[in-house]
N, C-alpha and C. Protein backbone atom coordinates (compact mmCIF):
# COMPACT_ATOMS: atom_id res chain seq x y z
N PRO A 1 58.78 70.86 74.03
CA PRO A 1 57.53 71.96 74.68
C PRO A 1 58.41 73.12 75.43
N ASP A 2 57.89 74.02 75.48
CA ASP A 2 58.49 75.16 75.42
C ASP A 2 58.51 75.23 77.28
N PRO A 3 59.65 75.49 77.98
CA PRO A 3 59.77 75.55 79.61
C PRO A 3 59.01 76.34 80.26
N LEU A 4 58.33 77.46 79.55
CA LEU A 4 57.58 78.41 80.31
C LEU A 4 56.16 77.35 80.38
N ASP A 5 55.50 77.01 79.27
CA ASP A 5 54.26 76.30 78.58
C ASP A 5 54.37 75.00 80.18
N TYR A 6 55.33 74.39 80.23
CA TYR A 6 55.61 73.69 81.08
C TYR A 6 55.31 73.90 82.72
N GLN A 7 56.25 75.29 83.11
CA GLN A 7 55.97 75.76 84.11
C GLN A 7 54.65 75.81 84.83
N ARG A 8 54.15 76.64 83.50
CA ARG A 8 52.54 77.11 83.64
C ARG A 8 51.67 75.61 84.20
N PHE A 9 51.53 74.64 83.34
CA PHE A 9 50.95 73.45 83.65
C PHE A 9 51.19 73.01 85.10
N ILE A 10 52.22 73.08 85.27
CA ILE A 10 52.71 72.04 86.82
C ILE A 10 52.38 72.97 87.84
N SER A 11 52.34 74.48 87.60
CA SER A 11 51.94 75.53 88.48
C SER A 11 50.35 75.41 88.70
N GLN A 12 49.73 75.23 87.65
CA GLN A 12 48.21 75.09 87.99
C GLN A 12 48.01 73.60 88.36
N PHE A 13 48.72 72.76 88.01
CA PHE A 13 48.22 71.06 88.56
C PHE A 13 48.42 71.19 90.00
N SER A 14 49.68 72.22 90.52
CA SER A 14 49.51 71.95 91.96
C SER A 14 48.50 73.02 92.44
N SER A 15 48.19 73.64 92.10
CA SER A 15 46.92 74.38 92.56
C SER A 15 45.82 73.50 92.32
N ILE A 16 45.33 72.87 91.56
CA ILE A 16 44.47 71.75 91.31
C ILE A 16 44.34 71.16 92.73
N VAL A 17 45.54 70.62 92.61
CA VAL A 17 46.07 69.44 93.60
C VAL A 17 45.46 69.85 95.30
N GLY A 18 45.77 70.94 95.46
CA GLY A 18 45.67 71.85 96.66
C GLY A 18 44.43 72.09 96.73
N LEU A 19 43.35 72.72 95.82
CA LEU A 19 42.15 72.66 96.49
C LEU A 19 41.52 71.92 96.41
N SER A 20 41.73 70.57 95.37
CA SER A 20 40.80 69.17 95.56
C SER A 20 41.05 68.39 96.84
N THR A 21 42.70 68.66 97.27
CA THR A 21 42.84 68.03 98.79
C THR A 21 42.12 68.85 99.81
N CYS A 22 41.76 70.03 99.63
CA CYS A 22 41.00 70.65 100.71
C CYS A 22 39.62 70.30 100.80
N ILE A 23 39.15 70.24 99.35
CA ILE A 23 37.77 69.87 99.33
C ILE A 23 37.84 68.31 100.01
N VAL A 24 38.34 67.43 99.60
CA VAL A 24 38.44 66.21 99.82
C VAL A 24 38.71 65.93 101.39
N ILE A 25 39.36 66.86 102.02
CA ILE A 25 39.42 66.82 103.28
C ILE A 25 38.35 66.94 104.20
N PHE A 26 37.62 67.84 103.65
CA PHE A 26 36.54 67.97 104.66
C PHE A 26 35.26 66.50 104.56
N VAL A 27 35.22 66.28 103.29
CA VAL A 27 34.46 65.03 102.90
C VAL A 27 35.53 63.49 104.05
N GLY A 28 36.73 63.59 103.58
CA GLY A 28 37.59 62.30 104.43
C GLY A 28 37.73 62.28 105.43
N VAL A 29 37.25 63.57 106.45
CA VAL A 29 37.39 63.30 107.89
C VAL A 29 35.99 62.32 108.61
N HIS A 30 35.08 63.08 107.64
CA HIS A 30 33.80 62.22 107.81
C HIS A 30 33.72 60.51 107.09
N ALA A 31 34.34 60.30 105.87
CA ALA A 31 34.61 59.13 105.50
C ALA A 31 35.45 58.35 106.83
N ILE A 32 36.40 58.82 107.24
CA ILE A 32 37.18 57.82 108.08
C ILE A 32 36.31 57.97 109.48
N ARG A 33 35.91 58.52 109.91
CA ARG A 33 34.47 58.51 110.89
C ARG A 33 33.98 57.62 110.71
N ILE A 34 32.95 57.57 109.41
CA ILE A 34 31.97 56.57 109.60
C ILE A 34 32.31 55.61 109.05
N LEU A 35 33.48 55.44 108.09
CA LEU A 35 33.77 53.95 107.32
C LEU A 35 34.59 53.26 107.96
N GLY A 36 35.62 53.95 108.95
CA GLY A 36 36.44 53.73 109.48
C GLY A 36 37.90 53.64 108.91
N TRP A 37 38.92 53.72 109.82
CA TRP A 37 40.46 53.42 109.44
C TRP A 37 40.65 52.85 108.45
N ARG A 38 40.19 51.43 108.40
CA ARG A 38 40.73 50.56 107.16
C ARG A 38 40.44 51.12 105.78
N ILE A 39 38.94 51.51 105.45
CA ILE A 39 38.71 52.54 104.64
C ILE A 39 39.65 53.36 104.11
N GLY A 40 39.67 54.23 104.98
CA GLY A 40 40.30 55.62 105.07
C GLY A 40 42.02 54.89 104.29
N ALA A 41 42.24 54.31 105.21
CA ALA A 41 44.06 53.63 104.50
C ALA A 41 44.08 52.87 103.35
N LEU A 42 43.03 52.41 103.02
CA LEU A 42 42.42 51.66 101.78
C LEU A 42 42.22 52.43 100.31
N THR A 43 41.90 53.53 100.61
CA THR A 43 41.25 54.09 99.64
C THR A 43 42.43 54.96 98.42
N THR A 44 43.09 55.36 99.44
CA THR A 44 44.74 55.67 98.26
C THR A 44 45.25 54.73 97.44
N PRO A 45 45.36 53.29 97.74
CA PRO A 45 45.97 52.25 96.58
C PRO A 45 44.98 51.91 95.63
N LEU A 46 43.48 52.19 96.44
CA LEU A 46 42.66 51.27 95.61
C LEU A 46 42.14 52.31 94.14
N VAL A 47 42.39 53.78 95.07
CA VAL A 47 42.29 54.88 93.52
C VAL A 47 43.09 54.42 92.56
N MET A 48 44.72 54.32 93.06
CA MET A 48 45.73 54.42 92.49
C MET A 48 45.84 53.02 91.57
N ALA A 49 45.25 52.02 91.99
CA ALA A 49 45.21 50.90 91.11
C ALA A 49 44.03 51.11 90.13
N CYS A 50 43.03 51.65 90.42
CA CYS A 50 41.69 51.92 89.33
C CYS A 50 42.10 52.41 88.64
N LEU A 51 42.79 53.53 88.73
CA LEU A 51 43.13 54.93 87.63
C LEU A 51 44.16 54.78 87.02
N ALA A 52 45.49 54.15 87.59
CA ALA A 52 46.54 53.35 86.43
C ALA A 52 46.14 52.88 85.82
N PHE A 53 45.38 52.18 85.17
CA PHE A 53 44.86 50.77 84.36
C PHE A 53 44.79 51.19 83.26
N PRO A 54 43.65 52.53 83.11
CA PRO A 54 43.66 53.09 81.76
C PRO A 54 44.89 53.65 81.19
N PHE A 55 45.49 54.27 82.36
CA PHE A 55 46.95 55.02 81.88
C PHE A 55 47.61 54.08 80.80
N PHE A 56 48.24 53.01 81.82
CA PHE A 56 48.75 52.15 81.39
C PHE A 56 48.44 51.48 80.23
N SER A 57 47.28 51.32 80.23
CA SER A 57 46.65 50.54 78.96
C SER A 57 47.24 51.03 77.69
N GLY A 58 46.82 52.79 78.12
CA GLY A 58 46.90 53.64 77.09
C GLY A 58 48.66 53.37 76.34
N VAL A 59 49.41 53.65 77.46
CA VAL A 59 50.80 53.62 77.20
C VAL A 59 51.38 52.17 76.37
N LEU A 60 50.42 51.19 76.93
CA LEU A 60 51.12 49.87 76.21
C LEU A 60 50.32 49.72 75.03
N VAL A 61 49.30 50.46 74.42
CA VAL A 61 48.90 50.06 73.26
C VAL A 61 49.67 50.91 72.49
N GLY A 62 50.25 51.73 73.19
CA GLY A 62 51.27 52.75 72.00
C GLY A 62 51.02 54.36 71.81
N LEU A 63 51.64 55.13 71.91
CA LEU A 63 52.14 56.49 71.94
C LEU A 63 52.50 56.97 70.50
N ASP A 64 52.15 56.38 69.34
CA ASP A 64 52.58 56.45 68.24
C ASP A 64 51.61 57.62 67.66
N THR A 65 50.81 58.40 67.81
CA THR A 65 50.21 59.69 67.53
C THR A 65 49.52 60.37 68.40
N PRO A 66 49.94 61.95 68.07
CA PRO A 66 49.61 63.08 69.17
C PRO A 66 48.35 62.94 69.81
N ARG A 67 47.38 61.99 69.07
CA ARG A 67 45.84 61.96 70.33
C ARG A 67 46.32 61.32 71.23
N ARG A 68 46.86 59.80 70.73
CA ARG A 68 47.43 59.05 72.11
C ARG A 68 47.85 59.16 73.06
N LEU A 69 48.95 60.18 72.58
CA LEU A 69 49.88 60.61 73.43
C LEU A 69 49.25 61.29 74.12
N LYS A 70 48.38 62.43 73.52
CA LYS A 70 47.50 63.54 74.62
C LYS A 70 46.40 62.52 75.77
N ILE A 71 45.75 61.57 75.38
CA ILE A 71 45.11 61.12 76.03
C ILE A 71 45.76 60.22 77.40
N ALA A 72 47.12 59.96 77.04
CA ALA A 72 48.08 59.16 78.08
C ALA A 72 47.90 60.21 78.77
N VAL A 73 48.74 61.07 78.41
CA VAL A 73 49.24 62.45 79.27
C VAL A 73 47.67 62.65 80.45
N THR A 74 46.92 62.73 79.66
CA THR A 74 45.62 63.31 80.56
C THR A 74 45.01 62.21 81.43
N LEU A 75 45.28 60.87 80.92
CA LEU A 75 44.85 60.22 82.03
C LEU A 75 45.78 60.00 83.47
N GLY A 76 47.07 60.23 82.59
CA GLY A 76 48.24 60.12 83.85
C GLY A 76 48.05 61.32 84.84
N MET A 77 47.59 62.39 84.28
CA MET A 77 47.62 63.67 84.97
C MET A 77 46.15 63.08 85.88
N ILE A 78 45.31 62.79 85.50
CA ILE A 78 44.16 62.45 86.58
C ILE A 78 44.23 61.75 87.50
N GLN A 79 44.97 60.74 87.25
CA GLN A 79 45.76 59.73 88.15
C GLN A 79 46.22 60.33 89.31
N THR A 80 47.52 60.64 88.80
CA THR A 80 48.01 61.61 89.72
C THR A 80 47.46 62.67 90.61
N LEU A 81 46.52 63.39 90.22
CA LEU A 81 45.93 64.40 90.99
C LEU A 81 44.99 63.61 92.04
N LEU A 82 44.28 62.63 91.29
CA LEU A 82 43.33 61.90 92.59
C LEU A 82 44.38 60.79 93.35
N ALA A 83 45.30 60.56 93.01
CA ALA A 83 46.45 59.65 93.59
C ALA A 83 46.47 60.56 94.69
N LYS A 84 46.97 61.96 94.60
CA LYS A 84 48.00 62.85 95.68
C LYS A 84 46.69 63.22 96.45
N THR A 85 45.65 63.44 96.13
CA THR A 85 44.52 64.00 96.53
C THR A 85 44.07 62.91 97.71
N THR A 86 43.82 61.84 97.53
CA THR A 86 43.48 60.87 98.16
C THR A 86 44.74 60.48 99.55
N LYS A 87 46.08 60.37 98.63
CA LYS A 87 47.00 60.26 99.95
C LYS A 87 46.73 61.35 100.92
N TYR A 88 46.94 62.80 100.46
CA TYR A 88 46.62 63.71 101.37
C TYR A 88 45.82 63.77 102.24
N ALA A 89 44.44 63.41 101.58
CA ALA A 89 43.28 63.91 102.56
C ALA A 89 43.08 62.81 103.12
N LEU A 90 43.56 61.44 102.94
CA LEU A 90 43.05 60.35 103.62
C LEU A 90 43.97 59.23 104.21
N PHE A 91 45.22 58.93 103.52
CA PHE A 91 46.13 58.08 103.73
C PHE A 91 46.59 58.85 104.73
N ASP A 92 46.97 59.93 104.58
CA ASP A 92 48.27 60.69 105.54
C ASP A 92 47.53 60.65 107.07
N PRO A 93 46.37 61.35 106.98
CA PRO A 93 45.42 61.43 108.44
C PRO A 93 45.44 60.00 109.10
N THR A 94 45.00 58.83 107.95
CA THR A 94 44.99 57.47 108.90
C THR A 94 46.77 56.91 109.83
N THR A 95 47.62 57.70 108.56
CA THR A 95 49.17 57.12 109.28
C THR A 95 49.32 57.65 110.57
N GLN A 96 48.90 59.20 110.64
CA GLN A 96 48.79 59.61 112.03
C GLN A 96 48.18 59.06 113.45
N MET A 97 46.71 58.68 112.93
CA MET A 97 46.09 57.80 113.61
C MET A 97 46.40 56.58 114.25
N ALA A 98 47.24 55.95 113.52
CA ALA A 98 48.01 55.19 113.64
C ALA A 98 48.74 55.00 115.36
N TYR A 99 49.41 56.17 115.32
CA TYR A 99 50.38 56.44 116.45
C TYR A 99 49.38 56.61 117.84
N ILE A 100 48.09 56.89 117.56
CA ILE A 100 47.41 57.27 118.79
C ILE A 100 47.43 56.16 119.82
N PRO A 101 47.44 54.99 119.84
CA PRO A 101 47.22 54.08 120.65
C PRO A 101 48.13 53.80 120.97
N LEU A 102 49.38 54.26 120.62
CA LEU A 102 50.89 53.74 120.92
C LEU A 102 51.11 54.16 122.25
N ASP A 103 51.91 53.84 123.22
CA ASP A 103 52.58 54.42 124.19
C ASP A 103 53.83 55.46 123.47
N ASP A 104 54.13 56.71 124.58
CA ASP A 104 54.78 57.68 124.05
C ASP A 104 56.56 57.25 123.46
N GLU A 105 57.03 56.09 123.85
CA GLU A 105 58.43 55.79 123.77
C GLU A 105 57.99 55.07 121.99
N SER A 106 56.83 54.35 121.76
CA SER A 106 56.79 53.72 120.23
C SER A 106 56.50 54.78 119.56
N LYS A 107 56.04 55.55 119.93
CA LYS A 107 55.44 56.68 119.05
C LYS A 107 56.37 57.75 118.35
N VAL A 108 57.41 57.94 119.34
CA VAL A 108 58.86 58.67 119.05
C VAL A 108 59.52 57.73 118.06
N LYS A 109 59.61 56.30 118.55
CA LYS A 109 60.32 55.43 117.27
C LYS A 109 59.63 55.25 116.35
N GLY A 110 58.29 55.04 116.21
CA GLY A 110 57.93 54.58 114.94
C GLY A 110 58.00 55.88 113.98
N LYS A 111 57.37 56.76 114.47
CA LYS A 111 57.36 58.16 113.53
C LYS A 111 58.71 58.38 112.93
N ALA A 112 59.83 58.35 113.72
CA ALA A 112 61.23 58.26 113.52
C ALA A 112 61.65 57.26 112.28
N ALA A 113 61.31 56.35 112.74
CA ALA A 113 61.65 54.83 111.98
C ALA A 113 60.74 54.93 110.48
N ILE A 114 59.57 55.42 110.34
CA ILE A 114 58.91 55.26 109.00
C ILE A 114 58.94 56.59 108.41
N GLU A 115 59.03 57.96 108.82
CA GLU A 115 58.83 59.17 108.47
C GLU A 115 60.50 59.58 108.07
N VAL A 116 61.24 59.16 108.83
CA VAL A 116 62.97 59.53 108.31
C VAL A 116 63.23 58.74 107.30
N ILE A 117 63.64 57.09 108.22
CA ILE A 117 64.29 56.16 107.43
C ILE A 117 63.29 55.58 106.17
N GLY A 118 62.18 55.50 106.53
CA GLY A 118 61.26 54.66 105.20
C GLY A 118 61.24 55.60 104.25
N SER A 119 60.53 56.96 104.46
CA SER A 119 60.17 57.89 103.48
C SER A 119 61.49 58.20 102.25
N ARG A 120 62.55 57.95 102.95
CA ARG A 120 63.87 58.34 101.98
C ARG A 120 64.27 56.99 101.46
N ILE A 121 64.22 55.71 102.28
CA ILE A 121 64.66 54.84 101.68
C ILE A 121 63.45 54.53 100.52
N GLY A 122 61.99 54.76 100.48
CA GLY A 122 61.27 54.48 99.72
C GLY A 122 61.11 55.86 98.54
N LYS A 123 61.67 57.09 98.55
CA LYS A 123 62.07 57.66 97.73
C LYS A 123 63.42 57.53 96.63
N SER A 124 64.20 56.95 97.54
CA SER A 124 65.51 56.53 97.05
C SER A 124 65.60 55.51 96.17
N GLY A 125 65.01 54.37 96.62
CA GLY A 125 64.67 52.95 96.11
C GLY A 125 64.00 53.24 94.97
N GLY A 126 62.64 53.88 94.53
CA GLY A 126 62.01 54.54 93.66
C GLY A 126 63.09 54.53 92.44
N SER A 127 63.59 55.81 92.88
CA SER A 127 64.52 56.55 91.98
C SER A 127 65.73 55.75 91.33
N LEU A 128 65.89 54.86 91.89
CA LEU A 128 67.13 53.84 91.73
C LEU A 128 66.40 52.70 90.74
N ILE A 129 65.19 52.55 91.19
CA ILE A 129 64.77 51.58 90.45
C ILE A 129 64.69 52.20 88.84
N GLN A 130 63.99 53.42 88.86
CA GLN A 130 63.61 53.96 87.65
C GLN A 130 64.89 54.40 86.55
N GLN A 131 65.77 54.32 87.15
CA GLN A 131 67.45 54.60 86.30
C GLN A 131 67.57 53.38 86.15
N GLY A 132 67.45 52.53 87.00
CA GLY A 132 67.73 50.89 86.47
C GLY A 132 67.04 50.59 85.06
N LEU A 133 65.98 50.66 85.19
CA LEU A 133 65.19 50.60 83.91
C LEU A 133 65.32 50.91 82.63
N VAL A 134 65.77 52.49 83.08
CA VAL A 134 66.06 53.71 81.84
C VAL A 134 67.24 52.79 81.35
N LEU A 135 68.37 52.32 82.06
CA LEU A 135 69.44 52.04 81.50
C LEU A 135 69.01 50.58 80.98
N VAL A 136 68.51 49.67 81.22
CA VAL A 136 68.37 48.13 80.82
C VAL A 136 67.64 48.35 79.60
N PHE A 137 66.10 49.09 79.60
CA PHE A 137 65.12 49.38 78.43
C PHE A 137 65.96 50.59 77.56
N GLY A 138 66.50 51.58 77.55
CA GLY A 138 66.93 52.65 77.15
C GLY A 138 66.01 53.83 77.40
N ASN A 139 64.61 53.82 77.50
CA ASN A 139 63.72 54.77 77.90
C ASN A 139 62.66 54.44 78.89
N ILE A 140 61.88 54.91 79.15
CA ILE A 140 60.74 54.71 80.66
C ILE A 140 59.53 54.10 79.78
N ILE A 141 59.69 54.46 78.53
CA ILE A 141 58.18 53.84 77.78
C ILE A 141 58.65 52.87 77.34
N SER A 142 59.50 52.13 77.21
CA SER A 142 59.98 50.61 76.83
C SER A 142 59.99 50.08 78.12
N ALA A 143 59.99 50.44 78.99
CA ALA A 143 60.23 49.46 80.26
C ALA A 143 58.90 49.20 81.04
N ALA A 144 57.72 49.98 79.91
CA ALA A 144 56.51 50.16 80.69
C ALA A 144 55.90 48.67 81.12
N PRO A 145 55.78 47.73 80.51
CA PRO A 145 55.32 46.32 81.01
C PRO A 145 55.89 46.04 82.40
N VAL A 146 57.10 46.26 82.87
CA VAL A 146 57.89 46.07 84.06
C VAL A 146 57.25 46.96 84.88
N LEU A 147 57.40 48.04 84.73
CA LEU A 147 56.53 48.91 85.54
C LEU A 147 55.30 48.72 86.03
N VAL A 148 54.57 48.34 85.02
CA VAL A 148 53.24 48.06 84.78
C VAL A 148 53.10 46.87 86.23
N VAL A 149 53.98 45.69 86.27
CA VAL A 149 54.04 44.78 86.96
C VAL A 149 54.52 45.27 88.35
N LEU A 150 55.64 46.40 88.39
CA LEU A 150 56.09 46.93 89.89
C LEU A 150 55.35 47.53 90.30
N TYR A 151 54.69 48.30 89.49
CA TYR A 151 53.71 49.33 90.18
C TYR A 151 52.31 48.36 90.60
N TYR A 152 51.91 47.60 90.26
CA TYR A 152 50.49 46.66 90.60
C TYR A 152 50.97 45.86 91.83
N SER A 153 52.45 45.62 91.75
CA SER A 153 52.94 44.80 93.31
C SER A 153 52.89 45.38 94.22
N VAL A 154 53.57 46.84 94.47
CA VAL A 154 53.76 47.66 95.27
C VAL A 154 52.28 48.15 95.68
N LEU A 155 51.31 48.48 95.08
CA LEU A 155 50.34 48.49 95.29
C LEU A 155 49.33 47.63 96.30
N ALA A 156 49.57 46.38 95.56
CA ALA A 156 49.33 44.78 96.49
C ALA A 156 49.87 45.16 97.86
N TRP A 157 50.88 45.20 98.05
CA TRP A 157 51.75 44.71 98.76
C TRP A 157 51.44 46.15 100.17
N TRP A 158 51.08 47.24 99.45
CA TRP A 158 50.57 48.70 100.32
C TRP A 158 49.14 48.20 100.93
N ALA A 159 48.26 47.75 100.29
CA ALA A 159 47.05 47.31 100.67
C ALA A 159 46.98 46.24 101.56
N TYR A 160 47.85 45.18 101.42
CA TYR A 160 48.27 44.23 102.28
C TYR A 160 49.01 44.72 103.98
N SER A 161 49.63 45.52 103.36
CA SER A 161 50.17 46.25 104.62
C SER A 161 49.11 47.08 105.68
N ALA A 162 48.69 47.96 104.95
CA ALA A 162 47.52 48.83 105.32
C ALA A 162 46.24 47.72 106.05
N ASN A 163 46.14 46.74 105.53
CA ASN A 163 45.21 45.88 105.96
C ASN A 163 45.31 45.03 107.29
N ARG A 164 46.62 44.64 107.39
CA ARG A 164 47.27 43.92 108.78
C ARG A 164 47.55 45.23 109.40
N LEU A 165 47.87 46.61 109.15
CA LEU A 165 47.76 47.60 110.26
C LEU A 165 46.39 47.65 110.51
N SER A 166 45.34 47.69 110.35
CA SER A 166 44.16 48.07 110.61
C SER A 166 43.83 46.89 111.41
N GLU A 167 43.82 45.65 111.19
CA GLU A 167 43.34 44.58 112.61
C GLU A 167 45.00 45.37 113.73
N LEU A 168 45.54 45.60 113.54
CA LEU A 168 46.45 45.74 114.98
C LEU A 168 46.11 47.29 115.50
N PHE A 169 45.94 48.10 114.51
CA PHE A 169 45.48 49.63 115.16
C PHE A 169 43.95 49.09 115.70
N TYR A 170 43.10 48.82 115.21
CA TYR A 170 41.70 48.20 115.91
C TYR A 170 41.85 47.41 117.12
N ALA A 171 42.77 46.33 117.18
CA ALA A 171 43.21 45.66 118.53
C ALA A 171 43.63 46.30 119.78
N ARG A 172 44.53 47.17 119.27
CA ARG A 172 45.44 48.17 120.44
C ARG A 172 44.21 49.16 120.73
N THR A 173 43.20 49.87 119.90
CA THR A 173 42.48 50.67 120.52
C THR A 173 41.42 50.05 121.19
N ALA A 174 41.31 48.95 121.07
CA ALA A 174 40.36 48.28 121.85
C ALA A 174 40.08 47.77 123.26
N MET A 175 41.99 47.64 123.20
CA MET A 175 42.71 47.07 124.46
C MET A 175 42.87 48.73 124.88
N GLN A 176 43.06 49.68 124.59
CA GLN A 176 43.23 50.92 125.23
C GLN A 176 42.06 51.65 125.71
N GLU A 177 40.88 51.02 125.13
CA GLU A 177 39.45 51.51 125.60
C GLU A 177 39.09 50.80 126.61
N SER A 178 39.50 49.32 126.78
CA SER A 178 39.22 48.68 127.61
C SER A 178 39.89 49.29 129.07
N LYS A 179 41.12 49.13 129.21
CA LYS A 179 41.86 49.50 130.10
C LYS A 179 41.18 51.23 130.96
N GLU A 180 40.82 52.18 129.71
CA GLU A 180 40.62 53.56 130.10
C GLU A 180 38.93 53.09 131.00
N HIS A 181 38.14 51.92 130.57
CA HIS A 181 36.74 51.89 131.27
C HIS A 181 37.26 50.99 132.45
N GLU A 182 38.10 50.22 132.78
CA GLU A 182 38.45 49.56 133.71
C GLU A 182 38.97 50.37 135.05
N GLU A 183 39.64 51.84 134.50
CA GLU A 183 40.04 52.88 135.68
C GLU A 183 38.81 53.95 135.82
């Protein structure tokens, strides 16, 4: 593809992500307030799991014709768009809310551990896994079956972790509210 066409596509895609995130933020704030922290935290991995299925199905069936390739790219674009939108509008606010019931020292240490160390390890680890798969399989398309297993394993772990964190969040919030009522 022409580099200028690719640059235009990425630019338009980024603009669409920004616009859709702004729209979902207005709904997301109310969704978290009405449906709760747990639903807000679990929406992103659920959306990613549901929308990745058609994409991975298209890739696993084969990309042997331009039509199939276009369908897979379109499905991947929609999945990425909605995954980014729900992450920015729902998951990120819930992660920030998780720090609210903590004491000041735990907030600082927790943010440092998650946002500095965890983020870098996650991105580096993902890149390392991708490079390893390309080295072993020759290209990323050939590694698709392994990627499907890894992808859904990470999403399952993410959903489990968000669910467990929600239990801790609600317990800590209830404890904090009872202390405030006593005072």
